[in-house]
């Protein structure tokens, strides 16, 4: 930790850009063509400085959610009939708790069970080990190793002490995905750990009597990057998952328990939370840290239009900010689509905002959120995502992933 005078919370400090450039060049040399021009705005040359108070609140909200999700009353409510079906022992990898930080505290805006960017952020952190940034990091000392250990833990929870031998990182047309470099990083990490690893489209997988195959290779664990969270479009994976023929992570039950945005309405409903038997400390953490969220169909169109400026509208089963809108930016046409259902409305909790100078241009305002990568209730890594506009986009020079440091 640097002994230099620290910047104030809710500000930025500059990273070592040459160290980042050197790390990325080493990756390019090893994997030519994987990093494309569109990835030039993936990493910001700044680090976000946050306060211990914000960190403490984020931790309390995460702990409260984890406690709530473990309660039978919560599981009965959000799983419904599927609770009686196959429930895996493994919780799922890469839970992303996303927060907006402002003067009123830390606000949980959503939970993702397929949160991207973990391996990329670990690479980013590794590039700055000798940068001497002010403040402290949060999470594992070696995030990449923690991630590999997490996958092994997922395997052991389902299969016991039998060694994990093979992993398939699965997404549709993976080489066309923006986060394809992360798939390559994950494959490299598995291979270094002695685990055979492949990147595959789901159409390449075949079902055998003892599980899933890629060519002639039996696949023990599938790292699921698909955005069809129910797997309805992928019957092979869904069938083998339900019959415990493969270890799938993250999986549909994790999504139902944590990430369906309709759950945010329950997480901010005091009457419901009390009915679950949640203790007062965790109940207070949720009511203070989760913005009020309601289903769009709970109110009439006239009321929503009149109050729209106070709300942020999100598709209940969306991801990556797609289809999400600030109420004060809504056109009447988009509003008409929203009020027909399938959306939740979350009371505005404005993101943090910092001034950043990019190149020779004048400093400009950037918004940011903070993502906590969490496994079994513990933060493994924390990263910010900086952007301009309504949602994170990784397209703005100066934006993208930003390191996070907590000030004394």
Protein backbone atom coordinates (compact mmCIF):
# COMPACT_ATOMS: atom_id res chain seq x y z
CA UNK A 1 0.00 0.00 0.00
CA UNK A 2 1.30 3.43 -0.90
CA UNK A 3 2.29 5.83 1.90
CA UNK A 4 1.61 8.86 -0.27
CA UNK A 5 -1.28 11.20 0.49
CA UNK A 6 -4.48 9.48 -0.56
CA UNK A 7 -7.11 10.98 -2.85
CA UNK A 8 -10.64 11.44 -1.52
CA UNK A 9 -13.28 8.73 -1.82
CA UNK A 10 -15.42 8.82 -4.95
CA UNK A 11 -12.47 9.96 -7.01
CA UNK A 12 -9.98 8.39 -9.40
CA UNK A 13 -6.27 7.81 -9.38
CA UNK A 14 -4.16 6.93 -12.39
CA UNK A 15 -2.86 3.40 -12.88
CA UNK A 16 0.44 2.48 -14.54
CA UNK A 17 -0.62 2.44 -18.22
CA UNK A 18 2.70 1.08 -19.50
CA UNK A 19 2.39 -1.95 -17.19
CA UNK A 20 -1.11 -2.61 -18.51
CA UNK A 21 0.09 -2.20 -22.10
CA UNK A 22 2.94 -4.63 -21.49
CA UNK A 23 0.58 -7.23 -20.03
CA UNK A 24 -1.83 -6.91 -22.93
CA UNK A 25 0.99 -7.14 -25.45
CA UNK A 26 2.17 -10.37 -23.85
CA UNK A 27 -1.36 -11.71 -24.28
CA UNK A 28 -1.40 -10.60 -27.92
CA UNK A 29 1.90 -12.32 -28.56
CA UNK A 30 0.59 -15.55 -27.09
CA UNK A 31 -2.83 -15.33 -28.76
CA UNK A 32 -2.58 -13.31 -32.00
CA UNK A 33 -5.85 -11.83 -33.19
CA UNK A 34 -7.86 -12.44 -30.02
CA UNK A 35 -7.75 -8.82 -28.88
CA UNK A 36 -9.48 -6.70 -31.51
CA UNK A 37 -9.72 -2.90 -31.95
CA UNK A 38 -13.10 -3.02 -30.20
CA UNK A 39 -11.26 -4.11 -27.05
CA UNK A 40 -9.18 -0.91 -26.92
CA UNK A 41 -11.78 0.55 -24.54
CA UNK A 42 -12.04 -2.53 -22.32
CA UNK A 43 -9.72 -1.21 -19.59
CA UNK A 44 -9.65 2.25 -18.11
CA UNK A 45 -6.37 3.87 -17.14
CA UNK A 46 -7.90 4.95 -13.84
CA UNK A 47 -8.75 3.31 -10.53
CA UNK A 48 -11.83 4.19 -8.51
CA UNK A 49 -11.24 5.13 -4.88
CA UNK A 50 -14.06 4.15 -2.51
CA UNK A 51 -14.59 4.47 1.23
CA UNK A 52 -14.55 1.82 3.95
CA UNK A 53 -18.16 2.78 4.71
CA UNK A 54 -19.24 1.84 1.18
CA UNK A 55 -17.29 -1.41 1.39
CA UNK A 56 -18.85 -2.30 4.74
CA UNK A 57 -22.34 -1.71 3.41
CA UNK A 58 -21.71 -3.79 0.29
CA UNK A 59 -20.47 -6.65 2.45
CA UNK A 60 -23.52 -6.43 4.71
CA UNK A 61 -25.91 -6.50 1.74
CA UNK A 62 -24.12 -9.50 0.22
CA UNK A 63 -24.24 -11.36 3.54
CA UNK A 64 -27.95 -10.56 3.93
CA UNK A 65 -28.78 -11.84 0.45
CA UNK A 66 -26.82 -15.04 1.02
CA UNK A 67 -28.62 -15.59 4.33
CA UNK A 68 -32.02 -14.93 2.79
CA UNK A 69 -31.45 -17.24 -0.18
CA UNK A 70 -30.59 -20.10 2.19
CA UNK A 71 -34.02 -19.88 3.88
CA UNK A 72 -36.68 -22.45 2.86
CA UNK A 73 -39.28 -19.67 2.66
CA UNK A 74 -37.26 -17.83 0.00
CA UNK A 75 -36.58 -20.99 -1.97
CA UNK A 76 -40.23 -21.99 -1.91
CA UNK A 77 -41.25 -18.56 -3.19
CA UNK A 78 -38.79 -18.13 -6.04
CA UNK A 79 -38.31 -21.75 -7.14
CA UNK A 80 -41.95 -22.79 -6.99
CA UNK A 81 -42.51 -26.21 -8.50
CA UNK A 82 -38.90 -26.55 -9.63
CA UNK A 83 -37.92 -26.80 -5.96
CA UNK A 84 -39.19 -30.37 -6.01
CA UNK A 85 -37.05 -31.26 -9.00
CA UNK A 86 -33.31 -31.78 -9.17
CA UNK A 87 -31.36 -29.27 -7.09
CA UNK A 88 -27.59 -29.30 -7.59
CA UNK A 89 -25.17 -29.17 -4.68
CA UNK A 90 -22.93 -26.61 -6.39
CA UNK A 91 -24.05 -22.99 -5.95
CA UNK A 92 -22.64 -21.66 -9.23
CA UNK A 93 -19.64 -19.55 -10.22
CA UNK A 94 -19.18 -15.82 -10.76
CA UNK A 95 -22.03 -14.25 -8.86
CA UNK A 96 -21.81 -10.56 -9.65
CA UNK A 97 -23.26 -8.18 -7.08
CA UNK A 98 -23.50 -4.79 -8.82
CA UNK A 99 -23.69 -1.61 -6.75
CA UNK A 100 -24.17 2.09 -7.29
CA UNK A 101 -22.23 4.15 -4.77
CA UNK A 102 -23.27 7.69 -3.87
CA UNK A 103 -23.59 10.04 -0.90
CA UNK A 104 -26.58 8.04 0.38
CA UNK A 105 -24.65 4.78 0.53
CA UNK A 106 -24.14 1.61 -1.51
CA UNK A 107 -27.17 0.43 -3.48
CA UNK A 108 -27.52 -3.07 -4.93
CA UNK A 109 -28.92 -2.56 -8.42
CA UNK A 110 -28.84 -6.22 -9.49
CA UNK A 111 -27.28 -9.63 -9.03
CA UNK A 112 -25.90 -11.61 -11.95
CA UNK A 113 -25.18 -15.33 -11.86
CA UNK A 114 -23.24 -15.26 -15.10
CA UNK A 115 -21.14 -12.18 -14.43
CA UNK A 116 -18.50 -11.66 -17.08
CA UNK A 117 -15.14 -10.01 -16.66
CA UNK A 118 -13.66 -11.97 -13.76
CA UNK A 119 -10.63 -13.40 -15.54
CA UNK A 120 -10.11 -10.13 -17.42
CA UNK A 121 -10.19 -8.16 -14.19
CA UNK A 122 -7.74 -10.61 -12.61
CA UNK A 123 -5.38 -9.96 -15.54
CA UNK A 124 -5.83 -6.22 -15.03
CA UNK A 125 -5.03 -6.51 -11.32
CA UNK A 126 -1.94 -8.60 -12.05
CA UNK A 127 -0.65 -5.90 -14.40
CA UNK A 128 -0.68 -3.40 -11.55
CA UNK A 129 0.97 -5.40 -8.77
CA UNK A 130 3.92 -3.00 -8.59
CA UNK A 131 2.03 0.18 -9.47
CA UNK A 132 1.89 1.44 -5.89
CA UNK A 133 -1.72 2.58 -6.10
CA UNK A 134 -3.14 4.19 -2.96
CA UNK A 135 -5.58 2.25 -0.78
CA UNK A 136 -6.14 -1.47 -0.47
CA UNK A 137 -7.58 -4.16 -2.72
CA UNK A 138 -10.53 -6.33 -1.76
CA UNK A 139 -10.69 -10.06 -2.32
CA UNK A 140 -8.25 -12.89 -2.97
CA UNK A 141 -4.51 -12.23 -3.14
CA UNK A 142 -4.41 -14.25 -6.37
CA UNK A 143 -7.85 -13.93 -8.03
CA UNK A 144 -7.05 -16.25 -10.93
CA UNK A 145 -6.07 -19.05 -8.55
CA UNK A 146 -9.20 -18.36 -6.50
CA UNK A 147 -11.31 -18.73 -9.65
CA UNK A 148 -9.73 -22.07 -10.58
CA UNK A 149 -10.20 -23.29 -6.99
CA UNK A 150 -13.83 -22.20 -7.24
CA UNK A 151 -14.42 -24.43 -10.25
CA UNK A 152 -12.76 -27.32 -8.46
CA UNK A 153 -15.03 -26.68 -5.49
CA UNK A 154 -18.06 -26.76 -7.81
CA UNK A 155 -16.87 -30.11 -9.11
CA UNK A 156 -16.22 -31.59 -5.65
CA UNK A 157 -19.65 -30.58 -4.37
CA UNK A 158 -21.19 -32.69 -7.11
CA UNK A 159 -18.62 -35.42 -7.66
CA UNK A 160 -16.60 -35.73 -4.46
CA UNK A 161 -12.84 -36.14 -4.49
CA UNK A 162 -12.56 -37.44 -8.06
CA UNK A 163 -10.17 -35.04 -9.85
CA UNK A 164 -11.64 -32.56 -12.32
CA UNK A 165 -10.06 -33.45 -15.66
CA UNK A 166 -11.92 -31.50 -18.34
CA UNK A 167 -13.84 -28.24 -18.72
CA UNK A 168 -15.74 -26.78 -21.66
CA UNK A 169 -16.33 -23.03 -21.76
CA UNK A 170 -19.60 -22.83 -23.68
CA UNK A 171 -21.26 -19.93 -25.45
CA UNK A 172 -22.98 -19.42 -28.77
CA UNK A 173 -20.46 -18.60 -31.49
CA UNK A 174 -17.84 -17.90 -28.83
CA UNK A 175 -15.23 -16.29 -31.07
CA UNK A 176 -17.76 -13.60 -32.01
CA UNK A 177 -18.46 -12.66 -28.38
CA UNK A 178 -17.01 -9.43 -27.02
CA UNK A 179 -15.67 -11.33 -24.02
CA UNK A 180 -13.98 -14.02 -26.10
CA UNK A 181 -10.57 -12.90 -24.73
CA UNK A 182 -11.86 -13.87 -21.30
CA UNK A 183 -12.71 -17.36 -22.53
CA UNK A 184 -9.11 -17.68 -23.70
CA UNK A 185 -7.81 -16.47 -20.34
CA UNK A 186 -10.02 -19.01 -18.54
CA UNK A 187 -8.84 -21.81 -20.82
CA UNK A 188 -5.22 -20.88 -20.14
CA UNK A 189 -5.82 -20.82 -16.38
CA UNK A 190 -7.42 -24.28 -16.43
CA UNK A 191 -4.62 -25.68 -18.56
CA UNK A 192 -1.97 -24.31 -16.21
CA UNK A 193 -3.81 -26.06 -13.38
CA UNK A 194 -3.63 -29.40 -15.21
CA UNK A 195 -7.25 -29.38 -16.39
CA UNK A 196 -7.96 -29.93 -20.08
CA UNK A 197 -10.03 -26.99 -21.30
CA UNK A 198 -11.94 -26.18 -24.47
CA UNK A 199 -13.98 -23.30 -25.84
CA UNK A 200 -17.07 -24.53 -27.65
CA UNK A 201 -20.41 -23.64 -29.16
CA UNK A 202 -23.25 -25.70 -27.62
CA UNK A 203 -23.93 -27.23 -31.04
CA UNK A 204 -20.54 -28.98 -30.84
CA UNK A 205 -21.51 -30.93 -27.72
CA UNK A 206 -22.92 -34.45 -27.95
CA UNK A 207 -24.66 -36.51 -25.31
CA UNK A 208 -23.38 -39.96 -24.36
CA UNK A 209 -24.54 -42.55 -21.86
CA UNK A 210 -22.15 -41.12 -19.27
CA UNK A 211 -22.58 -37.43 -20.04
CA UNK A 212 -21.46 -34.77 -22.47
CA UNK A 213 -18.74 -35.13 -25.10
CA UNK A 214 -16.82 -32.70 -27.25
CA UNK A 215 -15.55 -34.87 -30.07
CA UNK A 216 -14.08 -37.91 -28.31
CA UNK A 217 -13.42 -36.03 -25.06
CA UNK A 218 -15.71 -36.54 -22.11
CA UNK A 219 -16.52 -33.16 -20.55
CA UNK A 220 -16.82 -33.23 -16.79
CA UNK A 221 -17.77 -29.61 -16.18
CA UNK A 222 -19.40 -27.00 -18.40
CA UNK A 223 -18.62 -23.37 -17.64
CA UNK A 224 -21.90 -21.96 -18.89
CA UNK A 225 -21.67 -18.53 -20.55
CA UNK A 226 -25.01 -18.82 -22.34
CA UNK A 227 -27.52 -16.03 -21.81
CA UNK A 228 -30.55 -18.31 -22.09
CA UNK A 229 -30.59 -18.75 -18.33
CA UNK A 230 -33.33 -21.41 -18.37
CA UNK A 231 -31.47 -23.44 -21.06
CA UNK A 232 -34.81 -23.87 -22.85
CA UNK A 233 -33.02 -23.45 -26.18
CA UNK A 234 -30.39 -26.04 -25.28
CA UNK A 235 -32.19 -29.29 -24.43
CA UNK A 236 -29.02 -31.40 -24.42
CA UNK A 237 -27.44 -29.35 -21.66
CA UNK A 238 -30.72 -29.00 -19.77
CA UNK A 239 -31.41 -32.74 -19.84
CA UNK A 240 -27.92 -33.77 -18.77
CA UNK A 241 -27.94 -31.10 -16.06
CA UNK A 242 -31.27 -32.30 -14.66
CA UNK A 243 -30.07 -35.91 -14.69
CA UNK A 244 -26.73 -35.01 -13.08
CA UNK A 245 -24.73 -36.25 -16.06
CA UNK A 246 -22.55 -33.16 -16.01
CA UNK A 247 -21.58 -30.42 -13.60
CA UNK A 248 -23.01 -27.21 -15.01
CA UNK A 249 -22.02 -23.84 -13.60
CA UNK A 250 -23.66 -21.39 -13.36
CA UNK A 251 -27.00 -23.17 -13.67
CA UNK A 252 -30.73 -22.37 -13.99
CA UNK A 253 -31.48 -22.79 -10.29
CA UNK A 254 -28.83 -20.22 -9.36
CA UNK A 255 -30.47 -17.78 -11.74
CA UNK A 256 -33.89 -18.37 -10.21
CA UNK A 257 -32.59 -18.02 -6.67
CA UNK A 258 -30.52 -14.88 -7.21
CA UNK A 259 -30.59 -13.17 -10.56
CA UNK A 260 -34.13 -12.96 -11.91
CA UNK A 261 -34.77 -9.23 -11.58
CA UNK A 262 -38.24 -9.87 -10.22
CA UNK A 263 -36.42 -11.03 -7.08
CA UNK A 264 -35.37 -7.41 -6.51
CA UNK A 265 -39.00 -6.62 -5.73
CA UNK A 266 -38.90 -9.22 -2.95
CA UNK A 267 -35.52 -8.04 -1.70
CA UNK A 268 -36.96 -4.56 -1.14
CA UNK A 269 -40.38 -5.65 0.25
CA UNK A 270 -40.33 -5.31 4.04
CA UNK A 271 -43.53 -7.30 4.61
CA UNK A 272 -42.28 -10.22 2.56
CA UNK A 273 -38.82 -10.15 4.13
CA UNK A 274 -40.33 -10.31 7.60
CA UNK A 275 -42.50 -13.25 6.55
CA UNK A 276 -39.39 -15.26 5.67
CA UNK A 277 -38.07 -15.19 9.23
CA UNK A 278 -35.01 -13.12 8.28
CA UNK A 279 -33.35 -11.59 11.34
CA UNK A 280 -33.46 -7.84 11.97
CA UNK A 281 -29.82 -7.14 11.15
CA UNK A 282 -30.00 -8.70 7.69
CA UNK A 283 -33.46 -7.25 7.09
CA UNK A 284 -32.14 -3.74 7.80
CA UNK A 285 -29.17 -4.29 5.48
CA UNK A 286 -31.51 -5.16 2.61
CA UNK A 287 -34.00 -2.37 3.21
CA UNK A 288 -31.18 0.18 3.38
CA UNK A 289 -29.13 -1.26 0.52
CA UNK A 290 -31.66 -2.42 -2.10
CA UNK A 291 -33.61 0.33 -3.90
CA UNK A 292 -37.36 -0.15 -3.96
CA UNK A 293 -38.27 -2.34 -6.92
CA UNK A 294 -41.76 -3.20 -8.18
CA UNK A 295 -43.22 -5.19 -11.05
CA UNK A 296 -44.40 -3.00 -13.89
CA UNK A 297 -47.83 -4.62 -13.90
CA UNK A 298 -48.43 -3.58 -10.29
CA UNK A 299 -49.41 -0.06 -11.37
CA UNK A 300 -51.42 1.47 -14.17
CA UNK A 301 -49.94 3.16 -17.22
CA UNK A 302 -51.00 6.66 -16.20
CA UNK A 303 -49.26 6.38 -12.83
CA UNK A 304 -46.05 5.11 -14.37
CA UNK A 305 -45.89 7.88 -16.93
CA UNK A 306 -46.42 10.52 -14.26
CA UNK A 307 -43.69 9.07 -12.01
CA UNK A 308 -41.31 7.73 -14.66
CA UNK A 309 -38.50 10.19 -13.85
CA UNK A 310 -38.04 8.60 -10.42
CA UNK A 311 -37.49 5.10 -11.77
CA UNK A 312 -35.15 2.94 -13.82
CA UNK A 313 -36.85 0.28 -15.97
CA UNK A 314 -35.26 -3.14 -16.58
CA UNK A 315 -36.44 -6.28 -18.39
CA UNK A 316 -37.07 -8.95 -15.77
CA UNK A 317 -34.95 -11.53 -17.58
CA UNK A 318 -32.49 -9.19 -19.29
CA UNK A 319 -28.72 -9.04 -18.97
CA UNK A 320 -25.87 -6.64 -19.61
CA UNK A 321 -28.09 -3.56 -19.38
CA UNK A 322 -29.87 -4.47 -22.61
CA UNK A 323 -33.34 -3.02 -22.86
CA UNK A 324 -32.86 -0.96 -19.66
CA UNK A 325 -33.95 2.67 -19.55
CA UNK A 326 -33.82 5.65 -17.26
CA UNK A 327 -37.34 6.94 -16.83
CA UNK A 328 -36.38 10.55 -17.58
CA UNK A 329 -34.95 9.43 -20.94
CA UNK A 330 -37.97 7.42 -22.07
CA UNK A 331 -39.75 8.16 -25.31
CA UNK A 332 -43.47 7.57 -25.39
CA UNK A 333 -43.00 4.73 -27.87
CA UNK A 334 -40.54 2.81 -25.69
CA UNK A 335 -42.72 3.48 -22.66
CA UNK A 336 -45.68 1.85 -24.40
CA UNK A 337 -43.60 -1.31 -24.88
CA UNK A 338 -42.43 -1.35 -21.26
CA UNK A 339 -45.85 -1.07 -19.66
CA UNK A 340 -47.12 -4.16 -21.46
CA UNK A 341 -45.22 -6.26 -18.94
CA UNK A 342 -41.99 -8.19 -18.51
CA UNK A 343 -40.25 -5.27 -16.79
CA UNK A 344 -39.42 -4.21 -13.28
CA UNK A 345 -39.08 -0.63 -12.13
CA UNK A 346 -36.33 0.21 -9.66
CA UNK A 347 -36.31 3.50 -7.81
CA UNK A 348 -33.35 5.54 -8.99
CA UNK A 349 -30.14 5.14 -7.06
CA UNK A 350 -27.73 7.24 -9.05
CA UNK A 351 -24.31 5.77 -9.86
CA UNK A 352 -21.10 7.31 -8.64
CA UNK A 353 -19.61 9.94 -10.89
CA UNK A 354 -15.99 10.99 -11.33
CA UNK A 355 -14.12 13.38 -13.56
CA UNK A 356 -11.63 11.73 -15.90
CA UNK A 357 -9.19 13.25 -18.35
CA UNK A 358 -8.68 11.20 -21.49
CA UNK A 359 -5.67 12.17 -23.56
CA UNK A 360 -5.43 15.89 -24.21
CA UNK A 361 -9.18 16.50 -23.93
CA UNK A 362 -10.75 18.33 -21.02
CA UNK A 363 -11.82 16.19 -18.07
CA UNK A 364 -15.29 14.72 -18.54
CA UNK A 365 -17.80 13.10 -16.19
CA UNK A 366 -17.92 9.31 -16.11
CA UNK A 367 -20.41 7.19 -14.19
CA UNK A 368 -19.42 3.93 -12.59
CA UNK A 369 -20.80 0.92 -10.82
CA UNK A 370 -18.89 -1.52 -8.65
CA UNK A 371 -19.09 -5.26 -9.25
CA UNK A 372 -18.23 -7.71 -6.50
CA UNK A 373 -17.41 -11.20 -7.76
CA UNK A 374 -18.71 -13.43 -4.99
CA UNK A 375 -18.49 -17.14 -4.28
CA UNK A 376 -20.10 -18.81 -1.27
CA UNK A 377 -20.65 -15.38 0.25
CA UNK A 378 -17.02 -14.21 -0.05
CA UNK A 379 -15.78 -11.41 -2.30
CA UNK A 380 -13.07 -12.78 -4.59
CA UNK A 381 -12.46 -9.63 -6.61
CA UNK A 382 -13.93 -6.15 -6.94
CA UNK A 383 -13.90 -4.07 -10.10
CA UNK A 384 -15.63 -0.95 -11.36
CA UNK A 385 -17.18 -0.39 -14.76
CA UNK A 386 -16.92 3.17 -16.05
CA UNK A 387 -19.20 4.53 -18.73
CA UNK A 388 -21.09 7.46 -20.19
CA UNK A 389 -24.72 7.26 -21.21
CA UNK A 390 -27.45 5.17 -19.58
CA UNK A 391 -25.67 1.84 -19.01
CA UNK A 392 -22.22 0.24 -19.10
CA UNK A 393 -21.06 -0.30 -22.66
CA UNK A 394 -17.24 -0.74 -22.91
CA UNK A 395 -17.27 1.53 -25.93
CA UNK A 396 -16.19 4.91 -24.51
CA UNK A 397 -12.50 5.92 -24.52
CA UNK A 398 -11.50 6.30 -20.88
CA UNK A 399 -14.21 3.88 -19.75
CA UNK A 400 -14.35 0.11 -19.34
CA UNK A 401 -13.13 -1.93 -16.39
CA UNK A 402 -11.47 0.14 -13.69
CA UNK A 403 -9.59 -1.10 -10.66
CA UNK A 404 -11.06 -0.39 -7.22
CA UNK A 405 -9.13 0.69 -4.16
CA UNK A 406 -10.51 1.21 -0.65
CA UNK A 407 -9.08 4.16 1.22
CA UNK A 408 -8.03 4.15 4.88
